[in-house]
C-alpha atoms as a PDB file:
ATOM      1  CA  MET A   1      92.796  94.234 100.589  1.00  0.00           C
ATOM      2  CA  SER A   2      91.430  97.248  98.707  1.00  0.00           C
ATOM      3  CA  LEU A   3      93.603  99.655  96.679  1.00  0.00           C
ATOM      4  CA  ILE A   4      92.774 102.435  99.228  1.00  0.00           C
ATOM      5  CA  THR A   5      94.016 100.321 102.123  1.00  0.00           C
ATOM      6  CA  ALA A   6      97.051  98.921 100.299  1.00  0.00           C
ATOM      7  CA  THR A   7      98.339 102.369  99.144  1.00  0.00           C
ATOM      8  CA  GLY A   8      97.600 103.961 102.578  1.00  0.00           C
ATOM      9  CA  CYS A   9      99.517 101.194 104.382  1.00  0.00           C
ATOM     10  CA  ALA A  10     102.412 101.175 101.916  1.00  0.00           C
ATOM     11  CA  GLY A  11     102.611 105.022 102.024  1.00  0.00           C
ATOM     12  CA  LEU A  12     102.733 104.817 105.842  1.00  0.00           C
ATOM     13  CA  VAL A  13     105.592 102.411 105.728  1.00  0.00           C
ATOM     14  CA  ALA A  14     107.549 104.515 103.129  1.00  0.00           C
ATOM     15  CA  GLY A  15     106.785 107.758 105.087  1.00  0.00           C
ATOM     16  CA  THR A  16     108.037 106.211 108.332  1.00  0.00           C
ATOM     17  CA  LEU A  17     111.123 104.824 106.672  1.00  0.00           C
ATOM     18  CA  SER A  18     111.961 108.299 105.417  1.00  0.00           C
ATOM     19  CA  THR A  19     112.245 109.467 109.073  1.00  0.00           C
ATOM     20  CA  LEU A  20     114.844 106.854 109.849  1.00  0.00           C
ATOM     21  CA  LEU A  21     117.167 107.390 106.887  1.00  0.00           C
ATOM     22  CA  GLY A  22     120.311 109.522 107.350  1.00  0.00           C
ATOM     23  CA  ASP A  23     121.077 110.601 103.813  1.00  0.00           C
ATOM     24  CA  ARG A  24     119.214 113.729 102.440  1.00  0.00           C
ATOM     25  CA  ARG A  25     118.569 112.313  98.988  1.00  0.00           C
ATOM     26  CA  ALA A  26     117.494 108.871 100.445  1.00  0.00           C
ATOM     27  CA  ILE A  27     115.019 110.755 102.787  1.00  0.00           C
ATOM     28  CA  LEU A  28     113.553 112.644  99.800  1.00  0.00           C
ATOM     29  CA  ALA A  29     113.416 109.519  97.626  1.00  0.00           C
ATOM     30  CA  ALA A  30     111.444 107.650 100.435  1.00  0.00           C
ATOM     31  CA  GLN A  31     109.224 110.690 100.868  1.00  0.00           C
ATOM     32  CA  ALA A  32     108.529 110.677  97.156  1.00  0.00           C
ATOM     33  CA  THR A  33     107.634 106.997  97.267  1.00  0.00           C
ATOM     34  CA  ALA A  34     105.303 107.768 100.170  1.00  0.00           C
ATOM     35  CA  SER A  35     103.788 110.699  98.319  1.00  0.00           C
ATOM     36  CA  SER A  36     103.207 108.698  95.174  1.00  0.00           C
ATOM     37  CA  LEU A  37     101.349 106.129  97.106  1.00  0.00           C
ATOM     38  CA  PHE A  38      99.318 108.652  99.070  1.00  0.00           C
ATOM     39  CA  LEU A  39      98.541 110.404  95.795  1.00  0.00           C
ATOM     40  CA  VAL A  40      96.833 107.198  94.623  1.00  0.00           C
ATOM     41  CA  HIS A  41      95.285 106.690  98.005  1.00  0.00           C
ATOM     42  CA  PHE A  42      93.730 110.241  98.041  1.00  0.00           C
ATOM     43  CA  LEU A  43      92.661 109.915  94.374  1.00  0.00           C
ATOM     44  CA  CYS A  44      90.833 106.683  95.160  1.00  0.00           C
ATOM     45  CA  LEU A  45      89.150 108.366  98.181  1.00  0.00           C
ATOM     46  CA  GLY A  46      88.114 111.333  95.965  1.00  0.00           C
ATOM     47  CA  ALA A  47      90.159 113.756  98.176  1.00  0.00           C
ATOM     48  CA  ARG A  48      91.191 116.341  95.550  1.00  0.00           C
ATOM     49  CA  THR A  49      93.087 118.576  97.961  1.00  0.00           C
ATOM     50  CA  GLY A  50      95.237 115.693  99.269  1.00  0.00           C
ATOM     51  CA  THR A  51      95.838 114.418  95.711  1.00  0.00           C
ATOM     52  CA  LEU A  52      97.004 117.837  94.445  1.00  0.00           C
ATOM     53  CA  MET A  53      99.130 118.491  97.490  1.00  0.00           C
ATOM     54  CA  CYS A  54     100.896 115.135  96.984  1.00  0.00           C
ATOM     55  CA  LEU A  55     101.531 115.988  93.363  1.00  0.00           C
ATOM     56  CA  LEU A  56     103.037 119.342  94.233  1.00  0.00           C
ATOM     57  CA  GLY A  57     105.164 117.667  96.896  1.00  0.00           C
ATOM     58  CA  LEU A  58     106.340 115.265  94.252  1.00  0.00           C
ATOM     59  CA  VAL A  59     107.510 118.141  92.072  1.00  0.00           C
ATOM     60  CA  GLN A  60     109.469 119.528  95.113  1.00  0.00           C
ATOM     61  CA  MET A  61     111.102 116.186  95.847  1.00  0.00           C
ATOM     62  CA  ALA A  62     112.141 115.666  92.206  1.00  0.00           C
ATOM     63  CA  VAL A  63     113.785 119.097  92.205  1.00  0.00           C
ATOM     64  CA  ARG A  64     115.520 118.830  95.607  1.00  0.00           C
ATOM     65  CA  CYS A  65     116.849 115.276  95.019  1.00  0.00           C
ATOM     66  CA  ARG A  66     119.174 116.924  92.444  1.00  0.00           C
ATOM     67  CA  THR A  67     122.531 118.065  93.985  1.00  0.00           C
ATOM     68  CA  ARG A  68     122.415 121.371  92.128  1.00  0.00           C
ATOM     69  CA  PRO A  69     119.046 122.110  90.523  1.00  0.00           C
ATOM     70  CA  SER A  70     119.086 124.603  87.686  1.00  0.00           C
ATOM     71  CA  ARG A  71     117.523 128.051  88.048  1.00  0.00           C
ATOM     72  CA  GLY A  72     114.553 126.779  86.054  1.00  0.00           C
ATOM     73  CA  LEU A  73     114.017 123.935  88.475  1.00  0.00           C
ATOM     74  CA  GLU A  74     114.439 126.260  91.441  1.00  0.00           C
ATOM     75  CA  LEU A  75     111.752 128.451  89.952  1.00  0.00           C
ATOM     76  CA  LEU A  76     109.520 125.463  89.399  1.00  0.00           C
ATOM     77  CA  TYR A  77     110.088 124.486  93.099  1.00  0.00           C
ATOM     78  CA  GLY A  78     109.133 128.080  94.092  1.00  0.00           C
ATOM     79  CA  LEU A  79     105.941 128.018  92.005  1.00  0.00           C
ATOM     80  CA  THR A  80     104.689 125.035  93.969  1.00  0.00           C
ATOM     81  CA  VAL A  81     104.015 127.425  96.899  1.00  0.00           C
ATOM     82  CA  PRO A  82     101.452 129.731  95.190  1.00  0.00           C
ATOM     83  CA  ALA A  83      99.996 126.559  93.505  1.00  0.00           C
ATOM     84  CA  ALA A  84      99.481 124.954  96.928  1.00  0.00           C
ATOM     85  CA  LEU A  85      97.900 128.149  98.322  1.00  0.00           C
ATOM     86  CA  ALA A  86      95.595 128.182  95.256  1.00  0.00           C
ATOM     87  CA  VAL A  87      94.668 124.484  95.813  1.00  0.00           C
ATOM     88  CA  ALA A  88      93.842 125.317  99.430  1.00  0.00           C
ATOM     89  CA  ALA A  89      91.805 128.322  98.497  1.00  0.00           C
ATOM     90  CA  LEU A  90      89.906 126.567  95.684  1.00  0.00           C
ATOM     91  CA  THR A  91      89.033 123.565  97.787  1.00  0.00           C
ATOM     92  CA  TRP A  92      88.623 125.528 101.039  1.00  0.00           C
ATOM     93  CA  GLN A  93      87.351 123.573 103.991  1.00  0.00           C
ATOM     94  CA  GLY A  94      88.158 126.217 106.734  1.00  0.00           C
ATOM     95  CA  PRO A  95      90.731 125.137 109.243  1.00  0.00           C
ATOM     96  CA  LEU A  96      91.417 121.799 107.557  1.00  0.00           C
ATOM     97  CA  SER A  97      92.589 123.701 104.415  1.00  0.00           C
ATOM     98  CA  ALA A  98      94.568 126.208 106.416  1.00  0.00           C
ATOM     99  CA  LEU A  99      96.446 123.460 108.321  1.00  0.00           C
ATOM    100  CA  SER A 100      97.036 121.505 105.107  1.00  0.00           C
ATOM    101  CA  ALA A 101      98.487 124.654 103.452  1.00  0.00           C
ATOM    102  CA  ALA A 102     100.625 125.441 106.524  1.00  0.00           C
ATOM    103  CA  GLY A 103     101.940 121.871 106.698  1.00  0.00           C
ATOM    104  CA  PHE A 104     102.891 122.056 103.042  1.00  0.00           C
ATOM    105  CA  LEU A 105     104.686 125.339 103.483  1.00  0.00           C
ATOM    106  CA  LEU A 106     106.666 123.874 106.432  1.00  0.00           C
ATOM    107  CA  ALA A 107     107.582 120.784 104.481  1.00  0.00           C
ATOM    108  CA  THR A 108     108.609 123.035 101.558  1.00  0.00           C
ATOM    109  CA  LEU A 109     111.020 124.908 103.803  1.00  0.00           C
ATOM    110  CA  GLY A 110     112.324 121.447 105.059  1.00  0.00           C
ATOM    111  CA  ARG A 111     112.993 120.242 101.561  1.00  0.00           C
ATOM    112  CA  TRP A 112     114.898 123.423 100.714  1.00  0.00           C
ATOM    113  CA  GLN A 113     117.411 122.714 103.452  1.00  0.00           C
ATOM    114  CA  GLY A 114     120.821 121.432 102.434  1.00  0.00           C
ATOM    115  CA  ALA A 115     121.496 119.689 105.749  1.00  0.00           C
ATOM    116  CA  VAL A 116     119.508 116.845 107.217  1.00  0.00           C
ATOM    117  CA  GLY A 117     119.166 118.232 110.810  1.00  0.00           C
ATOM    118  CA  PRO A 118     117.351 121.495 109.853  1.00  0.00           C
ATOM    119  CA  MET A 119     115.355 119.611 107.248  1.00  0.00           C
ATOM    120  CA  ARG A 120     114.109 117.174 109.973  1.00  0.00           C
ATOM    121  CA  LEU A 121     113.221 120.075 112.316  1.00  0.00           C
ATOM    122  CA  PHE A 122     110.948 121.609 109.602  1.00  0.00           C
ATOM    123  CA  PHE A 123     109.443 118.110 108.971  1.00  0.00           C
ATOM    124  CA  VAL A 124     108.701 117.872 112.749  1.00  0.00           C
ATOM    125  CA  ALA A 125     106.884 121.221 112.564  1.00  0.00           C
ATOM    126  CA  ALA A 126     105.000 120.170 109.410  1.00  0.00           C
ATOM    127  CA  THR A 127     103.903 116.899 111.058  1.00  0.00           C
ATOM    128  CA  LEU A 128     102.620 118.688 114.078  1.00  0.00           C
ATOM    129  CA  VAL A 129     100.520 120.901 111.872  1.00  0.00           C
ATOM    130  CA  GLY A 130      99.403 117.797 109.945  1.00  0.00           C
ATOM    131  CA  ALA A 131      98.405 116.194 113.239  1.00  0.00           C
ATOM    132  CA  GLY A 132      96.072 119.155 113.808  1.00  0.00           C
ATOM    133  CA  HIS A 133      94.596 118.661 110.421  1.00  0.00           C
ATOM    134  CA  ASN A 134      94.168 114.935 110.955  1.00  0.00           C
ATOM    135  CA  ALA A 135      92.629 115.469 114.489  1.00  0.00           C
ATOM    136  CA  LEU A 136      90.069 117.834 112.982  1.00  0.00           C
ATOM    137  CA  ALA A 137      89.397 115.458 110.130  1.00  0.00           C
ATOM    138  CA  GLY A 138      88.888 112.596 112.487  1.00  0.00           C
ATOM    139  CA  SER A 139      91.566 110.568 110.706  1.00  0.00           C
ATOM    140  CA  ALA A 140      92.872 107.922 113.200  1.00  0.00           C
ATOM    141  CA  PHE A 141      95.070 106.509 110.391  1.00  0.00           C
ATOM    142  CA  GLY A 142      96.508 110.037 109.724  1.00  0.00           C
ATOM    143  CA  LEU A 143      97.182 110.526 113.465  1.00  0.00           C
ATOM    144  CA  ALA A 144      98.938 107.161 113.670  1.00  0.00           C
ATOM    145  CA  SER A 145     101.034 108.171 110.710  1.00  0.00           C
ATOM    146  CA  ASP A 146     101.832 111.488 112.431  1.00  0.00           C
ATOM    147  CA  ALA A 147     102.799 109.701 115.690  1.00  0.00           C
ATOM    148  CA  MET A 148     105.095 107.364 113.755  1.00  0.00           C
ATOM    149  CA  ALA A 149     106.710 110.297 111.848  1.00  0.00           C
ATOM    150  CA  LEU A 150     107.330 112.296 115.035  1.00  0.00           C
ATOM    151  CA  THR A 151     108.748 109.206 116.725  1.00  0.00           C
ATOM    152  CA  GLY A 152     111.068 108.498 113.765  1.00  0.00           C
ATOM    153  CA  HIS A 153     112.242 112.078 113.306  1.00  0.00           C
ATOM    154  CA  GLY A 154     112.643 112.510 117.086  1.00  0.00           C
ATOM    155  CA  TRP A 155     114.792 109.328 117.277  1.00  0.00           C
ATOM    156  CA  SER A 156     116.904 110.365 114.272  1.00  0.00           C
ATOM    157  CA  LEU A 157     117.433 113.836 115.691  1.00  0.00           C
ATOM    158  CA  TRP A 158     118.430 112.374 119.099  1.00  0.00           C
ATOM    159  CA  ARG A 159     120.696 109.763 117.409  1.00  0.00           C
ATOM    160  CA  ALA A 160     122.496 112.606 115.544  1.00  0.00           C
ATOM    161  CA  GLY A 161     122.762 114.746 118.675  1.00  0.00           C
ATOM    162  CA  VAL A 162     120.764 117.612 117.273  1.00  0.00           C
ATOM    163  CA  GLY A 163     120.139 120.024 120.115  1.00  0.00           C
ATOM    164  CA  ARG A 164     122.887 118.651 122.221  1.00  0.00           C
ATOM    165  CA  GLY A 165     125.742 120.448 120.343  1.00  0.00           C
ATOM    166  CA  ALA A 166     126.357 117.906 117.744  1.00  0.00           C
ATOM    167  CA  ALA A 167     126.536 118.811 114.049  1.00  0.00           C
ATOM    168  CA  THR A 168     123.105 119.021 112.417  1.00  0.00           C
ATOM    169  CA  ALA A 169     124.397 118.008 109.007  1.00  0.00           C
ATOM    170  CA  THR A 170     124.338 114.255 109.929  1.00  0.00           C
ATOM    171  CA  ALA A 171     120.860 113.998 111.529  1.00  0.00           C
END
């Protein structure tokens, strides 16, 4: 099995696992694992935008895994947004780049949430935008990943009763 295939498959497993976990920090840690694997995957493919977006996402997850990040870390988190927009602009591929940036921004809002329920809802929105990106890119692997993420988040939201009057903090 090639490194590209191995990191892609392992990233898919870690990303899907993140959708099924109930603890905010565990979700972010699993996402960080997936992002690390996809960073290597995209690097091996020569996909600069994907590599850089994964790196910026890792910065966000490192900051948000902390219970109370310092002001300096919060600033670092905030700086990932203009950095991601710059990456999208500098590697512009039309709608693919626009969807990548929009998905990153939605995931950024999700990671900022203190409660799991709202975090998941932003991740669902980010995944839907990512599915648009993957459809335009013709990535069957990416679309399979999106389908698994939507299924996992949907199941976890249903399990927690989000949208049915239950507390969103436990989603």
